Structure formats: C-alpha cells, structure tokens
Amino acid sequence: MKVCPKCNTQCSDEAMFCTSCGTSFNENVNQQDQNPNVGGQPEQQGAPIPPAQQYSDPCDHTAEFSDAEIHDNKIFAICVYLFDFLGVIIALLVRIANRSSYLDFHIKQQLKITVAEALVAIISGVLCWTCIVPIAGGICLIILLVLKVICFVRTCSNRSAEVPILSKFGFMK
C-alpha cells in the first residue's frame, strides 16, 4: 500500500494518483530523488538579504550626505521650501560661504518646483480664454503645493529625496 504524502490516504501499490486528493505519486518519487534533503528541514537557498538591501529608492539621496552636513544646513534647506524663490536666494548666499552639496540638492529640487509652477501659470494664462485649462492649471498648482509640502516634511525628517512626480520628467533632471 502507498500512502499519499499530501493527505495520508492509503492507496494501492499500482495507483499513479491519490484517490482522495489527486496528488501524483510519480512526481513525489522524482522530487525525492532530486532532493536529497528529506529530513524535514527546509533547505537554505542562500544568506537572507538584509532589509536595507532589499529595496533602495533611486530617488532617495540621503546616504550621499554626511550627518554633519545635514545638521549644519538643515535650516536653510527648510527655508528653500518655505519661502520659495526668496528661500532659494537665501540658500544660495549661504551656499557661497560653505559649499554644501546638501544645500545644492535642495535648491535644485525647489527650482524644479518653481519651473513647473511657472510653466503651469504661463500655459494657463495663454489659454485663459478656454474654460478647462485654467481649472486644470489650478489643480496642477495645488498638486505642486502638495509636492512642496512633501519635500518640506522630508527635509524636516533628515531625508533628501527628489520631488516625487517631477523627477520622472526628463527635462527636469
């Protein structure tokens, strides 16, 4: 008598399949021949991947900056997102003094948002005679404001990531 490895049903020796669950006895024999580990312990396929190496966001540049550089320039990076173009000017003046790549990164991100806002405003202004374009432009400006808030929050939490939607546009690289 054969015993099904899946449901433990007893079947005749000539049976090719389990009469209860349909498991093939030939596959089980082949798998046991190919797999010498029948002791019940799972085989280890390799060393487990640490969580930090499983996924890395290509838009997150936090690791590129030292903790000291982030600490020294965090206030000015926050000002970049709070005060728009005035914040960029303040950050550029500070950047001249200390050559911070962290500050350069955040200035570049705010300038991407500013360029996108200007493009939306120009297109909405030129096509203001239509009804739908100014409405769509207003929605786009609200989305850009939300993106600016996201960048502000990330900067406050010591993260340096590219602007979520604008990083996908090639001309904004």
Protein backbone atom coordinates (compact mmCIF):
# COMPACT_ATOMS: atom_id res chain seq x y z
CA MET A 1 0.00 0.00 0.00
CA LYS A 2 1.13 3.54 -0.85
CA VAL A 3 0.46 6.43 1.49
CA CYS A 4 -0.22 9.84 -0.06
CA PRO A 5 2.37 12.35 1.21
CA LYS A 6 -0.15 15.16 0.98
CA CYS A 7 -3.30 13.81 2.67
CA ASN A 8 -2.06 10.48 4.17
CA THR A 9 -4.69 8.42 2.33
CA GLN A 10 -3.78 4.77 1.70
CA CYS A 11 -3.85 3.78 -1.96
CA SER A 12 -2.96 0.59 -3.87
CA ASP A 13 0.63 -0.01 -4.97
CA GLU A 14 -0.32 0.30 -8.67
CA ALA A 15 -2.03 3.72 -8.24
CA MET A 16 -0.49 6.62 -10.14
CA PHE A 17 -2.59 9.24 -8.31
CA CYS A 18 -4.11 9.58 -4.86
CA THR A 19 -7.80 8.65 -4.92
CA SER A 20 -8.60 11.34 -2.37
CA CYS A 21 -6.67 14.48 -3.36
CA GLY A 22 -5.27 13.62 -6.82
CA THR A 23 -1.58 14.00 -5.97
CA SER A 24 0.67 12.21 -8.47
CA PHE A 25 2.87 9.54 -6.92
CA ASN A 26 5.39 9.75 -9.82
CA GLU A 27 6.13 13.43 -9.14
CA ASN A 28 6.76 12.71 -5.47
CA VAL A 29 9.22 9.93 -6.33
CA ASN A 30 11.05 12.21 -8.79
CA GLN A 31 11.15 15.07 -6.29
CA GLN A 32 12.51 12.80 -3.57
CA ASP A 33 15.21 11.52 -5.94
CA GLN A 34 16.23 15.03 -6.91
CA ASN A 35 16.02 16.48 -3.41
CA PRO A 36 18.34 14.64 -1.01
CA ASN A 37 17.13 16.77 1.93
CA VAL A 38 14.25 14.57 3.14
CA GLY A 39 14.93 15.08 6.83
CA GLY A 40 12.09 17.55 7.09
CA GLN A 41 14.30 20.62 7.47
CA PRO A 42 13.95 23.26 4.75
CA GLU A 43 16.95 23.87 2.54
CA GLN A 44 18.54 27.25 2.84
CA GLN A 45 18.87 28.85 -0.61
CA GLY A 46 21.47 31.39 0.48
CA ALA A 47 22.07 34.03 3.06
CA PRO A 48 19.00 36.14 3.82
CA ILE A 49 19.03 39.61 2.33
CA PRO A 50 19.13 42.35 4.96
CA PRO A 51 16.08 44.68 4.83
CA ALA A 52 18.23 47.68 3.93
CA GLN A 53 19.49 45.96 0.77
CA GLN A 54 16.16 44.56 -0.43
CA TYR A 55 14.96 47.83 -1.92
CA SER A 56 16.72 51.08 -2.50
CA ASP A 57 14.88 54.06 -3.89
CA PRO A 58 16.90 55.61 -6.72
CA CYS A 59 15.31 58.99 -5.97
CA ASP A 60 16.46 58.98 -2.33
CA HIS A 61 19.85 60.67 -1.96
CA THR A 62 20.03 60.79 1.83
CA ALA A 63 23.04 58.48 2.00
CA GLU A 64 25.08 60.84 -0.17
CA PHE A 65 25.29 63.47 2.57
CA SER A 66 27.07 63.28 5.91
CA ASP A 67 25.16 63.77 9.14
CA ALA A 68 27.25 66.84 9.94
CA GLU A 69 26.45 68.44 6.60
CA ILE A 70 22.73 67.77 7.05
CA HIS A 71 22.83 69.16 10.59
CA ASP A 72 24.67 72.31 9.56
CA ASN A 73 22.42 73.16 6.59
CA LYS A 74 19.02 71.75 7.53
CA ILE A 75 17.50 75.13 8.46
CA PHE A 76 18.47 76.65 5.11
CA ALA A 77 17.16 73.62 3.22
CA ILE A 78 13.84 74.02 5.05
CA CYS A 79 13.81 77.74 4.15
CA VAL A 80 14.15 76.78 0.49
CA TYR A 81 10.72 75.09 0.59
CA LEU A 82 9.09 77.58 2.97
CA PHE A 83 9.96 80.83 1.21
CA ASP A 84 10.02 79.72 -2.45
CA PHE A 85 12.30 81.90 -4.54
CA LEU A 86 13.37 84.06 -1.60
CA GLY A 87 14.40 80.88 0.21
CA VAL A 88 16.45 79.84 -2.83
CA ILE A 89 18.26 83.19 -2.80
CA ILE A 90 18.98 82.88 0.94
CA ALA A 91 20.24 79.32 0.46
CA LEU A 92 22.43 80.39 -2.46
CA LEU A 93 24.04 83.09 -0.31
CA VAL A 94 24.73 80.55 2.44
CA ARG A 95 25.96 78.04 -0.14
CA ILE A 96 28.58 80.51 -1.36
CA ALA A 97 30.07 80.53 2.14
CA ASN A 98 30.12 76.81 2.89
CA ARG A 99 29.89 74.87 -0.43
CA SER A 100 27.27 72.38 0.73
CA SER A 101 26.19 69.68 -1.71
CA TYR A 102 23.20 69.02 0.59
CA LEU A 103 22.05 72.58 0.10
CA ASP A 104 22.70 72.34 -3.65
CA PHE A 105 20.41 69.32 -3.82
CA HIS A 106 17.51 71.07 -2.09
CA ILE A 107 17.97 74.26 -4.13
CA LYS A 108 17.77 72.17 -7.29
CA GLN A 109 14.58 70.45 -6.09
CA GLN A 110 12.89 73.77 -5.25
CA LEU A 111 13.92 75.19 -8.62
CA LYS A 112 12.26 72.20 -10.31
CA ILE A 113 9.03 73.04 -8.47
CA THR A 114 9.38 76.75 -9.34
CA VAL A 115 9.93 75.99 -13.05
CA ALA A 116 6.91 73.68 -13.08
CA GLU A 117 4.78 76.36 -11.37
CA ALA A 118 5.91 78.94 -13.93
CA LEU A 119 5.11 76.63 -16.85
CA VAL A 120 1.65 75.87 -15.50
CA ALA A 121 0.98 79.58 -14.89
CA ILE A 122 2.15 80.57 -18.40
CA ILE A 123 0.10 77.87 -20.12
CA SER A 124 -2.96 78.73 -18.03
CA GLY A 125 -2.50 82.44 -18.77
CA VAL A 126 -2.09 81.96 -22.52
CA LEU A 127 -5.07 79.65 -22.75
CA CYS A 128 -7.24 81.53 -20.25
CA TRP A 129 -9.97 82.05 -22.86
CA THR A 130 -10.80 78.35 -22.58
CA CYS A 131 -12.66 77.16 -19.55
CA ILE A 132 -10.90 73.89 -18.85
CA VAL A 133 -7.22 74.96 -19.00
CA PRO A 134 -7.34 77.46 -16.10
CA ILE A 135 -9.17 74.88 -13.99
CA ALA A 136 -6.61 72.21 -14.87
CA GLY A 137 -3.82 74.74 -14.19
CA GLY A 138 -5.27 75.46 -10.76
CA ILE A 139 -5.38 71.74 -9.99
CA CYS A 140 -1.76 71.39 -11.14
CA LEU A 141 -0.71 74.27 -8.89
CA ILE A 142 -2.42 72.59 -5.94
CA ILE A 143 -0.56 69.36 -6.74
CA LEU A 144 2.72 71.29 -6.88
CA LEU A 145 1.92 72.83 -3.49
CA VAL A 146 1.37 69.33 -2.07
CA LEU A 147 4.71 68.22 -3.57
CA LYS A 148 6.38 71.18 -1.90
CA VAL A 149 4.87 70.18 1.46
CA ILE A 150 6.12 66.60 0.93
CA CYS A 151 9.63 67.91 0.26
CA PHE A 152 9.42 70.14 3.33
CA VAL A 153 8.39 67.22 5.57
CA ARG A 154 11.13 65.00 4.14
CA THR A 155 13.71 67.70 4.79
CA CYS A 156 12.47 68.12 8.37
CA SER A 157 12.94 64.37 8.88
CA ASN A 158 16.53 64.44 7.53
CA ARG A 159 15.67 62.77 4.22
CA SER A 160 16.84 64.03 0.86
CA ALA A 161 14.65 62.67 -1.92
CA GLU A 162 13.78 64.07 -5.30
CA VAL A 163 10.40 65.69 -5.91
CA PRO A 164 8.02 62.72 -6.38
CA ILE A 165 6.31 63.48 -9.71
CA LEU A 166 8.75 65.94 -11.25
CA SER A 167 11.70 63.54 -11.01
CA LYS A 168 10.10 61.44 -13.76
CA PHE A 169 10.27 64.25 -16.33
CA GLY A 170 13.45 64.14 -18.37
CA PHE A 171 13.75 67.89 -18.82
CA MET A 172 13.77 68.37 -15.06
CA LYS A 173 16.90 66.28 -14.42
